[in-house]
Amino acid sequence: METISVIVLAGGASRRMGSNKALLPVTDQETLVSRVVANLAVLSDDIVLVSNTPELYADLPVRHAADRFVGAGPLAGLHAGLLAVQNRWAFIAACDMPLIDHRLARYMTLMTEGYDVVAPRIDQSIEPLHALYSQACLPAIEARLQDGQRRMISFYPDVRVRYVESREIAIFDRDGRTFANANTPEDWERLRALMNA
C-alpha cells in the first residue's frame, strides 16, 4: 500500500456560507477543520493544511503551506500542497468534509500503480476534493494555472487518471456520506445532523 500524505484545503472564501466554514464550531472545543484533521490523521502523519491565513489554524497538528498562485482556487491549493508534502502521493480533502471514510481512502491507495490521479466518479460526477494525487501532476497543474485555468479537473486530460466508480464506492459508503460538505448554512445543518447520527 502506498504511503501517503494528506492535504487539507482551508483557503476558500466561504462566500455562500457567510463566514469562514473551516472555523464553524462542531463542539465547544472543536471546529469543522479540526474535526477533519483529526479524522484524516489515521491516514498519514504528514498533514499539510493549505491556507493563506495560517495564523487562524496555529493550534492544529499540521504543517502549513500557502498558495503560490493566490486567488486561483482549489487547484492552486492542490499545487501548494503537492509542493509541500513529504510523500509522492497525497490524499486531498476540503476543510468541510468531516465524514471521509478511511476504508475508501485506503482502498484508493491500492489503485495508484500506473496512474497519477485516483478519483471517485459517481454517475459521471467526479469528486476531485476526495482524491489521490501524485507529485507527477505538478507540471500539468502548473501549466493550467499559468494559463489562468482554475477548474480542479482541468489538468486531468494531461495525466493518467484511475476513476473509482460507484459500484466500488458503494462497498464502503452506500449513502455518499464520505463526500458530504457544507457550502451554505443549509448544508451545514444537514452536515451537523449527519455528524450526530
N, C-alpha and C. Protein backbone atom coordinates (compact mmCIF):
# COMPACT_ATOMS: atom_id res chain seq x y z
N MET A 1 0.86 -1.20 0.00
CA MET A 1 0.00 0.00 0.00
C MET A 1 0.89 1.25 0.00
N GLU A 2 0.55 2.19 -0.83
CA GLU A 2 1.31 3.43 -0.97
C GLU A 2 1.28 4.25 0.33
N THR A 3 2.45 4.72 0.77
CA THR A 3 2.50 5.66 1.90
C THR A 3 2.10 7.03 1.39
N ILE A 4 1.14 7.65 2.03
CA ILE A 4 0.61 8.91 1.52
C ILE A 4 0.74 10.03 2.54
N SER A 5 0.65 11.24 2.02
CA SER A 5 0.45 12.43 2.84
C SER A 5 -1.01 12.84 2.72
N VAL A 6 -1.40 13.84 3.48
CA VAL A 6 -2.76 14.38 3.41
C VAL A 6 -2.66 15.89 3.21
N ILE A 7 -3.47 16.41 2.30
CA ILE A 7 -3.59 17.85 2.09
C ILE A 7 -5.01 18.27 2.46
N VAL A 8 -5.13 19.26 3.33
CA VAL A 8 -6.44 19.81 3.69
C VAL A 8 -6.49 21.25 3.18
N LEU A 9 -7.50 21.55 2.38
CA LEU A 9 -7.64 22.90 1.82
C LEU A 9 -8.52 23.74 2.73
N ALA A 10 -7.98 24.86 3.19
CA ALA A 10 -8.75 25.77 4.06
C ALA A 10 -8.57 27.21 3.57
N GLY A 11 -8.52 27.37 2.26
CA GLY A 11 -8.25 28.70 1.73
C GLY A 11 -9.42 29.37 1.05
N GLY A 12 -10.58 28.71 1.06
CA GLY A 12 -11.73 29.26 0.34
C GLY A 12 -12.31 30.51 0.98
N ALA A 13 -13.05 31.25 0.18
CA ALA A 13 -13.65 32.50 0.66
C ALA A 13 -14.93 32.26 1.45
N SER A 14 -15.52 31.07 1.34
CA SER A 14 -16.76 30.73 2.07
C SER A 14 -17.87 31.75 1.81
N ARG A 15 -17.96 32.25 0.58
CA ARG A 15 -18.95 33.31 0.28
C ARG A 15 -20.38 32.85 0.54
N ARG A 16 -20.70 31.62 0.11
CA ARG A 16 -22.07 31.14 0.27
C ARG A 16 -22.42 30.86 1.72
N MET A 17 -21.40 30.55 2.54
CA MET A 17 -21.65 30.29 3.96
C MET A 17 -21.83 31.60 4.72
N GLY A 18 -21.12 32.64 4.32
CA GLY A 18 -21.23 33.93 5.00
C GLY A 18 -20.21 34.12 6.11
N SER A 19 -19.48 33.05 6.45
CA SER A 19 -18.39 33.13 7.43
C SER A 19 -17.41 32.01 7.09
N ASN A 20 -16.25 32.01 7.73
CA ASN A 20 -15.22 31.02 7.45
C ASN A 20 -15.71 29.64 7.89
N LYS A 21 -16.05 28.78 6.92
CA LYS A 21 -16.64 27.50 7.29
C LYS A 21 -15.65 26.59 8.02
N ALA A 22 -14.36 26.78 7.78
CA ALA A 22 -13.37 25.96 8.47
C ALA A 22 -13.47 26.10 9.98
N LEU A 23 -13.89 27.29 10.43
CA LEU A 23 -13.94 27.57 11.87
C LEU A 23 -15.33 27.41 12.47
N LEU A 24 -16.27 26.85 11.72
CA LEU A 24 -17.58 26.58 12.29
C LEU A 24 -17.44 25.64 13.48
N PRO A 25 -18.15 25.92 14.59
CA PRO A 25 -17.99 25.09 15.79
C PRO A 25 -18.76 23.78 15.70
N VAL A 26 -18.03 22.68 15.89
CA VAL A 26 -18.66 21.36 15.96
C VAL A 26 -19.04 21.06 17.40
N THR A 27 -18.11 21.38 18.32
CA THR A 27 -18.37 21.31 19.77
C THR A 27 -17.74 22.56 20.38
N ASP A 28 -17.78 22.67 21.70
CA ASP A 28 -17.16 23.83 22.36
C ASP A 28 -15.65 23.86 22.11
N GLN A 29 -15.03 22.69 21.95
CA GLN A 29 -13.58 22.62 21.79
C GLN A 29 -13.13 22.34 20.36
N GLU A 30 -14.06 22.13 19.46
CA GLU A 30 -13.70 21.60 18.15
C GLU A 30 -14.35 22.41 17.02
N THR A 31 -13.54 22.72 16.01
CA THR A 31 -14.06 23.38 14.81
C THR A 31 -14.20 22.34 13.69
N LEU A 32 -14.83 22.75 12.60
CA LEU A 32 -15.00 21.83 11.48
C LEU A 32 -13.65 21.36 10.95
N VAL A 33 -12.72 22.28 10.79
CA VAL A 33 -11.41 21.89 10.24
C VAL A 33 -10.63 21.03 11.23
N SER A 34 -10.75 21.27 12.51
CA SER A 34 -10.04 20.42 13.48
C SER A 34 -10.61 19.01 13.47
N ARG A 35 -11.92 18.88 13.24
CA ARG A 35 -12.54 17.56 13.12
C ARG A 35 -12.02 16.84 11.87
N VAL A 36 -11.90 17.58 10.76
CA VAL A 36 -11.39 17.00 9.52
C VAL A 36 -9.96 16.51 9.72
N VAL A 37 -9.12 17.34 10.32
CA VAL A 37 -7.72 16.98 10.55
C VAL A 37 -7.63 15.74 11.45
N ALA A 38 -8.40 15.71 12.52
CA ALA A 38 -8.39 14.56 13.42
C ALA A 38 -8.85 13.28 12.72
N ASN A 39 -9.85 13.41 11.87
CA ASN A 39 -10.37 12.26 11.13
C ASN A 39 -9.34 11.71 10.16
N LEU A 40 -8.59 12.61 9.51
CA LEU A 40 -7.64 12.17 8.49
C LEU A 40 -6.28 11.76 9.05
N ALA A 41 -6.05 12.02 10.34
CA ALA A 41 -4.76 11.69 10.94
C ALA A 41 -4.48 10.19 10.91
N VAL A 42 -5.52 9.37 10.80
CA VAL A 42 -5.30 7.92 10.73
C VAL A 42 -4.70 7.50 9.39
N LEU A 43 -4.79 8.37 8.38
CA LEU A 43 -4.26 8.03 7.06
C LEU A 43 -2.79 8.36 6.91
N SER A 44 -2.32 9.36 7.66
CA SER A 44 -0.94 9.81 7.49
C SER A 44 -0.49 10.64 8.69
N ASP A 45 0.80 10.61 8.95
CA ASP A 45 1.34 11.52 9.98
C ASP A 45 1.92 12.77 9.33
N ASP A 46 1.75 12.89 8.01
CA ASP A 46 2.18 14.10 7.30
C ASP A 46 0.95 14.80 6.74
N ILE A 47 0.43 15.77 7.50
CA ILE A 47 -0.76 16.52 7.07
C ILE A 47 -0.36 17.97 6.81
N VAL A 48 -0.65 18.42 5.60
CA VAL A 48 -0.36 19.80 5.21
C VAL A 48 -1.67 20.54 5.04
N LEU A 49 -1.82 21.64 5.75
CA LEU A 49 -3.00 22.49 5.62
C LEU A 49 -2.64 23.69 4.75
N VAL A 50 -3.38 23.86 3.67
CA VAL A 50 -3.11 24.96 2.73
C VAL A 50 -4.07 26.10 3.03
N SER A 51 -3.49 27.23 3.40
CA SER A 51 -4.27 28.42 3.73
C SER A 51 -3.36 29.63 3.63
N ASN A 52 -3.93 30.75 3.23
CA ASN A 52 -3.16 31.99 3.21
C ASN A 52 -3.30 32.76 4.51
N THR A 53 -4.01 32.16 5.49
CA THR A 53 -4.14 32.74 6.83
C THR A 53 -3.78 31.68 7.87
N PRO A 54 -2.51 31.20 7.88
CA PRO A 54 -2.14 30.10 8.76
C PRO A 54 -2.30 30.43 10.25
N GLU A 55 -2.28 31.73 10.58
CA GLU A 55 -2.42 32.11 11.99
C GLU A 55 -3.76 31.66 12.58
N LEU A 56 -4.78 31.48 11.72
CA LEU A 56 -6.09 31.04 12.20
C LEU A 56 -6.08 29.58 12.63
N TYR A 57 -5.06 28.84 12.18
CA TYR A 57 -5.02 27.40 12.41
C TYR A 57 -3.75 26.98 13.14
N ALA A 58 -3.18 27.90 13.90
CA ALA A 58 -1.89 27.66 14.56
C ALA A 58 -1.96 26.52 15.58
N ASP A 59 -3.17 26.23 16.09
CA ASP A 59 -3.29 25.21 17.12
C ASP A 59 -3.43 23.80 16.55
N LEU A 60 -3.53 23.67 15.24
CA LEU A 60 -3.73 22.35 14.64
C LEU A 60 -2.40 21.62 14.46
N PRO A 61 -2.39 20.29 14.60
CA PRO A 61 -1.16 19.49 14.45
C PRO A 61 -0.85 19.22 12.97
N VAL A 62 -0.56 20.27 12.24
CA VAL A 62 -0.32 20.17 10.80
C VAL A 62 0.89 21.02 10.43
N ARG A 63 1.40 20.81 9.23
CA ARG A 63 2.34 21.74 8.63
C ARG A 63 1.53 22.67 7.72
N HIS A 64 2.04 23.85 7.48
CA HIS A 64 1.28 24.84 6.72
C HIS A 64 1.94 25.12 5.38
N ALA A 65 1.10 25.39 4.39
CA ALA A 65 1.57 25.82 3.07
C ALA A 65 0.61 26.90 2.57
N ALA A 66 1.14 27.79 1.74
CA ALA A 66 0.34 28.89 1.19
C ALA A 66 0.36 28.80 -0.34
N ASP A 67 -0.70 29.29 -0.96
CA ASP A 67 -0.80 29.28 -2.42
C ASP A 67 0.34 30.08 -3.06
N ARG A 68 0.90 29.53 -4.11
CA ARG A 68 1.84 30.29 -4.94
C ARG A 68 1.09 31.05 -6.02
N PHE A 69 -0.07 30.52 -6.41
CA PHE A 69 -0.96 31.19 -7.36
C PHE A 69 -2.16 31.70 -6.53
N VAL A 70 -2.01 32.87 -5.93
CA VAL A 70 -3.01 33.38 -4.99
C VAL A 70 -4.29 33.73 -5.74
N GLY A 71 -5.42 33.32 -5.16
CA GLY A 71 -6.72 33.64 -5.74
C GLY A 71 -7.16 32.71 -6.84
N ALA A 72 -6.42 31.60 -7.04
CA ALA A 72 -6.75 30.69 -8.13
C ALA A 72 -7.51 29.45 -7.66
N GLY A 73 -8.07 29.49 -6.45
CA GLY A 73 -8.97 28.45 -6.00
C GLY A 73 -8.32 27.14 -5.58
N PRO A 74 -9.13 26.07 -5.51
CA PRO A 74 -8.65 24.79 -5.02
C PRO A 74 -7.50 24.21 -5.84
N LEU A 75 -7.46 24.48 -7.14
CA LEU A 75 -6.36 23.95 -7.95
C LEU A 75 -5.03 24.52 -7.47
N ALA A 76 -5.00 25.79 -7.11
CA ALA A 76 -3.79 26.39 -6.55
C ALA A 76 -3.46 25.78 -5.19
N GLY A 77 -4.50 25.42 -4.43
CA GLY A 77 -4.28 24.75 -3.15
C GLY A 77 -3.67 23.38 -3.32
N LEU A 78 -4.15 22.64 -4.31
CA LEU A 78 -3.57 21.33 -4.61
C LEU A 78 -2.10 21.49 -5.01
N HIS A 79 -1.82 22.48 -5.84
CA HIS A 79 -0.44 22.76 -6.27
C HIS A 79 0.45 23.03 -5.06
N ALA A 80 0.01 23.93 -4.18
CA ALA A 80 0.80 24.27 -2.99
C ALA A 80 1.00 23.06 -2.09
N GLY A 81 -0.05 22.27 -1.93
CA GLY A 81 0.03 21.09 -1.08
C GLY A 81 0.99 20.05 -1.62
N LEU A 82 0.92 19.78 -2.92
CA LEU A 82 1.81 18.78 -3.51
C LEU A 82 3.27 19.21 -3.44
N LEU A 83 3.52 20.51 -3.49
CA LEU A 83 4.89 21.00 -3.34
C LEU A 83 5.40 20.80 -1.91
N ALA A 84 4.48 20.77 -0.94
CA ALA A 84 4.88 20.75 0.47
C ALA A 84 4.93 19.36 1.11
N VAL A 85 4.20 18.39 0.54
CA VAL A 85 4.09 17.09 1.20
C VAL A 85 5.40 16.30 1.16
N GLN A 86 5.53 15.38 2.10
CA GLN A 86 6.76 14.58 2.22
C GLN A 86 6.73 13.30 1.40
N ASN A 87 5.53 12.87 0.99
CA ASN A 87 5.40 11.64 0.21
C ASN A 87 5.01 11.96 -1.23
N ARG A 88 5.23 11.00 -2.11
CA ARG A 88 4.97 11.20 -3.53
C ARG A 88 3.47 11.34 -3.82
N TRP A 89 2.67 10.66 -3.02
CA TRP A 89 1.21 10.68 -3.19
C TRP A 89 0.56 11.39 -2.00
N ALA A 90 -0.54 12.10 -2.29
CA ALA A 90 -1.28 12.78 -1.23
C ALA A 90 -2.78 12.64 -1.46
N PHE A 91 -3.49 12.41 -0.37
CA PHE A 91 -4.96 12.45 -0.39
C PHE A 91 -5.37 13.86 -0.07
N ILE A 92 -6.26 14.42 -0.89
CA ILE A 92 -6.70 15.80 -0.66
C ILE A 92 -8.14 15.81 -0.17
N ALA A 93 -8.43 16.73 0.73
CA ALA A 93 -9.80 16.90 1.24
C ALA A 93 -10.04 18.38 1.51
N ALA A 94 -11.28 18.77 1.40
CA ALA A 94 -11.65 20.14 1.76
C ALA A 94 -11.85 20.21 3.28
N CYS A 95 -11.76 21.42 3.81
CA CYS A 95 -11.87 21.62 5.26
C CYS A 95 -13.27 21.38 5.79
N ASP A 96 -14.24 21.13 4.89
CA ASP A 96 -15.62 20.93 5.32
C ASP A 96 -16.11 19.51 5.03
N MET A 97 -15.17 18.54 5.03
CA MET A 97 -15.53 17.15 4.75
C MET A 97 -15.14 16.26 5.93
N PRO A 98 -15.92 16.29 7.02
CA PRO A 98 -15.53 15.58 8.25
C PRO A 98 -15.87 14.10 8.28
N LEU A 99 -16.58 13.60 7.26
CA LEU A 99 -17.07 12.22 7.33
C LEU A 99 -16.37 11.29 6.35
N ILE A 100 -15.17 11.65 5.92
CA ILE A 100 -14.43 10.82 4.96
C ILE A 100 -14.21 9.43 5.54
N ASP A 101 -14.54 8.43 4.73
CA ASP A 101 -14.43 7.03 5.14
C ASP A 101 -13.00 6.55 4.90
N HIS A 102 -12.29 6.22 5.97
CA HIS A 102 -10.89 5.79 5.85
C HIS A 102 -10.74 4.55 4.99
N ARG A 103 -11.75 3.68 5.05
CA ARG A 103 -11.65 2.43 4.28
C ARG A 103 -11.63 2.72 2.79
N LEU A 104 -12.47 3.65 2.34
CA LEU A 104 -12.48 4.02 0.93
C LEU A 104 -11.17 4.69 0.55
N ALA A 105 -10.68 5.59 1.39
CA ALA A 105 -9.41 6.28 1.09
C ALA A 105 -8.27 5.27 0.99
N ARG A 106 -8.25 4.28 1.90
CA ARG A 106 -7.18 3.27 1.85
C ARG A 106 -7.33 2.38 0.62
N TYR A 107 -8.57 2.05 0.27
CA TYR A 107 -8.80 1.27 -0.95
C TYR A 107 -8.25 2.01 -2.16
N MET A 108 -8.45 3.33 -2.19
CA MET A 108 -7.96 4.13 -3.31
C MET A 108 -6.43 4.08 -3.42
N THR A 109 -5.75 3.94 -2.27
CA THR A 109 -4.28 3.89 -2.33
C THR A 109 -3.79 2.62 -3.00
N LEU A 110 -4.64 1.61 -3.12
CA LEU A 110 -4.26 0.38 -3.80
C LEU A 110 -4.30 0.54 -5.32
N MET A 111 -4.84 1.65 -5.81
CA MET A 111 -5.06 1.86 -7.24
C MET A 111 -3.98 2.72 -7.90
N THR A 112 -2.96 3.11 -7.16
CA THR A 112 -2.05 4.14 -7.66
C THR A 112 -1.09 3.66 -8.76
N GLU A 113 -0.78 2.37 -8.77
CA GLU A 113 0.21 1.85 -9.71
C GLU A 113 -0.18 2.17 -11.16
N GLY A 114 0.70 2.88 -11.86
CA GLY A 114 0.45 3.20 -13.26
C GLY A 114 -0.40 4.44 -13.49
N TYR A 115 -0.75 5.14 -12.42
CA TYR A 115 -1.61 6.33 -12.54
C TYR A 115 -0.99 7.53 -11.83
N ASP A 116 -1.55 8.70 -12.10
CA ASP A 116 -1.13 9.95 -11.45
C ASP A 116 -2.22 10.50 -10.54
N VAL A 117 -3.47 10.11 -10.81
CA VAL A 117 -4.64 10.56 -10.04
C VAL A 117 -5.54 9.36 -9.80
N VAL A 118 -6.10 9.26 -8.59
CA VAL A 118 -7.15 8.29 -8.30
C VAL A 118 -8.31 9.09 -7.72
N ALA A 119 -9.44 9.12 -8.45
CA ALA A 119 -10.56 9.99 -8.06
C ALA A 119 -11.88 9.26 -8.15
N PRO A 120 -12.77 9.47 -7.18
CA PRO A 120 -14.11 8.88 -7.26
C PRO A 120 -14.93 9.53 -8.37
N ARG A 121 -15.76 8.70 -9.00
CA ARG A 121 -16.68 9.20 -10.03
C ARG A 121 -18.02 8.53 -9.83
N ILE A 122 -19.04 9.35 -9.60
CA ILE A 122 -20.39 8.84 -9.37
C ILE A 122 -21.29 9.39 -10.46
N ASP A 123 -21.79 8.51 -11.33
CA ASP A 123 -22.66 8.93 -12.43
C ASP A 123 -22.03 10.08 -13.23
N GLN A 124 -20.80 9.93 -13.61
CA GLN A 124 -20.04 10.92 -14.39
C GLN A 124 -19.68 12.18 -13.61
N SER A 125 -20.05 12.25 -12.34
CA SER A 125 -19.68 13.39 -11.50
C SER A 125 -18.43 13.02 -10.70
N ILE A 126 -17.34 13.78 -10.94
CA ILE A 126 -16.06 13.50 -10.31
C ILE A 126 -15.97 14.22 -8.97
N GLU A 127 -15.30 13.59 -8.00
CA GLU A 127 -15.09 14.18 -6.67
C GLU A 127 -13.61 14.53 -6.52
N PRO A 128 -13.15 15.65 -7.10
CA PRO A 128 -11.71 15.95 -7.11
C PRO A 128 -11.15 16.38 -5.76
N LEU A 129 -12.03 16.68 -4.79
CA LEU A 129 -11.57 17.04 -3.45
C LEU A 129 -11.72 15.88 -2.47
N HIS A 130 -11.72 14.68 -3.02
CA HIS A 130 -11.69 13.44 -2.22
C HIS A 130 -10.89 12.46 -3.07
N ALA A 131 -9.66 12.85 -3.39
CA ALA A 131 -8.90 12.11 -4.39
C ALA A 131 -7.43 12.02 -4.00
N LEU A 132 -6.73 11.13 -4.67
CA LEU A 132 -5.29 10.97 -4.50
C LEU A 132 -4.57 11.57 -5.70
N TYR A 133 -3.52 12.33 -5.42
CA TYR A 133 -2.73 12.96 -6.47
C TYR A 133 -1.26 12.67 -6.25
N SER A 134 -0.57 12.36 -7.35
CA SER A 134 0.87 12.18 -7.31
C SER A 134 1.56 13.51 -7.60
N GLN A 135 2.77 13.65 -7.07
CA GLN A 135 3.55 14.85 -7.37
C GLN A 135 3.89 14.93 -8.85
N ALA A 136 3.73 13.82 -9.58
CA ALA A 136 3.94 13.84 -11.03
C ALA A 136 2.94 14.75 -11.74
N CYS A 137 1.86 15.12 -11.05
CA CYS A 137 0.85 16.02 -11.63
C CYS A 137 1.30 17.48 -11.65
N LEU A 138 2.34 17.81 -10.89
CA LEU A 138 2.70 19.21 -10.70
C LEU A 138 2.95 19.98 -12.00
N PRO A 139 3.70 19.44 -12.97
CA PRO A 139 3.90 20.22 -14.21
C PRO A 139 2.59 20.53 -14.93
N ALA A 140 1.68 19.55 -14.99
CA ALA A 140 0.39 19.76 -15.67
C ALA A 140 -0.46 20.78 -14.93
N ILE A 141 -0.47 20.71 -13.60
CA ILE A 141 -1.23 21.67 -12.79
C ILE A 141 -0.67 23.07 -12.99
N GLU A 142 0.64 23.18 -12.93
CA GLU A 142 1.28 24.49 -13.06
C GLU A 142 0.99 25.10 -14.43
N ALA A 143 1.01 24.27 -15.47
CA ALA A 143 0.74 24.78 -16.81
C ALA A 143 -0.67 25.35 -16.91
N ARG A 144 -1.63 24.65 -16.31
CA ARG A 144 -3.02 25.14 -16.33
C ARG A 144 -3.16 26.44 -15.53
N LEU A 145 -2.53 26.49 -14.37
CA LEU A 145 -2.61 27.71 -13.55
C LEU A 145 -1.97 28.89 -14.27
N GLN A 146 -0.86 28.65 -14.95
CA GLN A 146 -0.20 29.73 -15.69
C GLN A 146 -1.04 30.22 -16.85
N ASP A 147 -1.92 29.32 -17.37
CA ASP A 147 -2.85 29.70 -18.43
C ASP A 147 -4.10 30.37 -17.89
N GLY A 148 -4.17 30.52 -16.56
CA GLY A 148 -5.33 31.16 -15.95
C GLY A 148 -6.51 30.23 -15.74
N GLN A 149 -6.29 28.93 -15.89
CA GLN A 149 -7.37 27.96 -15.68
C GLN A 149 -7.43 27.59 -14.20
N ARG A 150 -8.65 27.52 -13.68
CA ARG A 150 -8.82 27.27 -12.25
C ARG A 150 -9.63 26.02 -11.95
N ARG A 151 -10.22 25.43 -12.98
CA ARG A 151 -11.07 24.27 -12.75
C ARG A 151 -10.23 23.11 -12.20
N MET A 152 -10.71 22.50 -11.14
CA MET A 152 -9.94 21.49 -10.42
C MET A 152 -9.51 20.34 -11.33
N ILE A 153 -10.35 19.95 -12.27
CA ILE A 153 -10.02 18.80 -13.11
C ILE A 153 -9.48 19.23 -14.48
N SER A 154 -9.12 20.49 -14.62
CA SER A 154 -8.66 20.98 -15.93
C SER A 154 -7.44 20.24 -16.45
N PHE A 155 -6.59 19.76 -15.54
CA PHE A 155 -5.35 19.10 -15.96
C PHE A 155 -5.52 17.60 -16.14
N TYR A 156 -6.68 17.04 -15.80
CA TYR A 156 -6.88 15.59 -15.88
C TYR A 156 -6.54 15.02 -17.27
N PRO A 157 -6.88 15.73 -18.38
CA PRO A 157 -6.53 15.16 -19.69
C PRO A 157 -5.03 14.99 -19.91
N ASP A 158 -4.23 15.67 -19.10
CA ASP A 158 -2.77 15.65 -19.29
C ASP A 158 -2.07 14.58 -18.44
N VAL A 159 -2.83 13.89 -17.59
CA VAL A 159 -2.24 12.89 -16.70
C VAL A 159 -3.04 11.59 -16.78
N ARG A 160 -2.56 10.57 -16.08
CA ARG A 160 -3.22 9.26 -16.09
C ARG A 160 -4.15 9.16 -14.88
N VAL A 161 -5.44 9.02 -15.15
CA VAL A 161 -6.45 9.04 -14.09
C VAL A 161 -7.11 7.68 -13.95
N ARG A 162 -7.16 7.19 -12.73
CA ARG A 162 -7.92 5.98 -12.41
C ARG A 162 -9.18 6.42 -11.67
N TYR A 163 -10.33 6.21 -12.28
CA TYR A 163 -11.59 6.56 -11.63
C TYR A 163 -12.08 5.40 -10.77
N VAL A 164 -12.51 5.73 -9.55
CA VAL A 164 -13.13 4.76 -8.65
C VAL A 164 -14.63 4.93 -8.85
N GLU A 165 -15.27 3.89 -9.38
CA GLU A 165 -16.65 4.00 -9.82
C GLU A 165 -17.65 3.73 -8.70
N SER A 166 -18.90 4.07 -8.97
CA SER A 166 -19.97 3.98 -7.97
C SER A 166 -20.04 2.62 -7.30
N ARG A 167 -19.90 1.57 -8.09
CA ARG A 167 -20.04 0.21 -7.52
C ARG A 167 -18.92 -0.07 -6.52
N GLU A 168 -17.73 0.50 -6.75
CA GLU A 168 -16.62 0.32 -5.81
C GLU A 168 -16.85 1.14 -4.55
N ILE A 169 -17.30 2.38 -4.74
CA ILE A 169 -17.55 3.27 -3.60
C ILE A 169 -18.61 2.69 -2.68
N ALA A 170 -19.65 2.08 -3.29
CA ALA A 170 -20.78 1.55 -2.52
C ALA A 170 -20.37 0.43 -1.57
N ILE A 171 -19.26 -0.24 -1.84
CA ILE A 171 -18.77 -1.29 -0.94
C ILE A 171 -18.48 -0.69 0.44
N PHE A 172 -18.00 0.55 0.44
CA PHE A 172 -17.59 1.20 1.68
C PHE A 172 -18.60 2.23 2.17
N ASP A 173 -19.26 2.90 1.24
CA ASP A 173 -20.11 4.04 1.61
C ASP A 173 -21.30 4.10 0.65
N ARG A 174 -22.34 3.38 1.00
CA ARG A 174 -23.51 3.28 0.11
C ARG A 174 -24.27 4.60 0.01
N ASP A 175 -24.20 5.45 1.05
CA ASP A 175 -25.02 6.66 1.09
C ASP A 175 -24.27 7.93 0.68
N GLY A 176 -23.00 7.83 0.37
CA GLY A 176 -22.25 9.01 -0.04
C GLY A 176 -21.90 9.96 1.09
N ARG A 177 -21.93 9.47 2.32
CA ARG A 177 -21.59 10.33 3.48
C ARG A 177 -20.18 10.89 3.37
N THR A 178 -19.27 10.08 2.83
CA THR A 178 -17.87 10.47 2.77
C THR A 178 -17.65 11.78 1.99
N PHE A 179 -18.58 12.10 1.07
CA PHE A 179 -18.44 13.30 0.25
C PHE A 179 -19.23 14.49 0.80
N ALA A 180 -19.93 14.31 1.91
CA ALA A 180 -20.78 15.37 2.46
C ALA A 180 -19.93 16.58 2.87
N ASN A 181 -20.40 17.77 2.47
CA ASN A 181 -19.69 19.00 2.84
C ASN A 181 -20.69 20.12 3.10
N ALA A 182 -20.17 21.31 3.37
CA ALA A 182 -21.04 22.42 3.76
C ALA A 182 -20.65 23.69 3.02
N ASN A 183 -21.42 24.04 2.01
CA ASN A 183 -21.17 25.29 1.28
C ASN A 183 -22.13 26.41 1.68
N THR A 184 -23.28 26.03 2.24
CA THR A 184 -24.30 27.01 2.63
C THR A 184 -24.74 26.71 4.07
N PRO A 185 -25.41 27.66 4.73
CA PRO A 185 -25.94 27.36 6.07
C PRO A 185 -26.86 26.14 6.09
N GLU A 186 -27.61 25.93 5.01
CA GLU A 186 -28.49 24.76 4.95
C GLU A 186 -27.67 23.47 4.88
N ASP A 187 -26.59 23.50 4.07
CA ASP A 187 -25.69 22.35 4.02
C ASP A 187 -25.11 22.05 5.40
N TRP A 188 -24.77 23.11 6.13
CA TRP A 188 -24.15 22.95 7.45
C TRP A 188 -25.11 22.26 8.41
N GLU A 189 -26.37 22.63 8.35
CA GLU A 189 -27.36 21.98 9.23
C GLU A 189 -27.47 20.50 8.89
N ARG A 190 -27.48 20.18 7.59
CA ARG A 190 -27.56 18.77 7.18
C ARG A 190 -26.30 18.01 7.62
N LEU A 191 -25.15 18.66 7.46
CA LEU A 191 -23.89 18.01 7.84
C LEU A 191 -23.83 17.77 9.34
N ARG A 192 -24.28 18.72 10.12
CA ARG A 192 -24.30 18.54 11.58
C ARG A 192 -25.19 17.37 11.97
N ALA A 193 -26.30 17.25 11.29
CA ALA A 193 -27.20 16.12 11.57
C ALA A 193 -26.52 14.80 11.24
N LEU A 194 -25.79 14.76 10.13
CA LEU A 194 -25.07 13.54 9.76
C LEU A 194 -23.98 13.21 10.76
N MET A 195 -23.26 14.23 11.23
CA MET A 195 -22.19 14.00 12.20
C MET A 195 -22.73 13.48 13.52
N ASN A 196 -23.95 13.87 13.85
CA ASN A 196 -24.55 13.46 15.13
C ASN A 196 -25.37 12.18 15.00
N ALA A 197 -25.49 11.67 13.78
CA ALA A 197 -26.33 10.48 13.56
C ALA A 197 -25.69 9.23 14.15
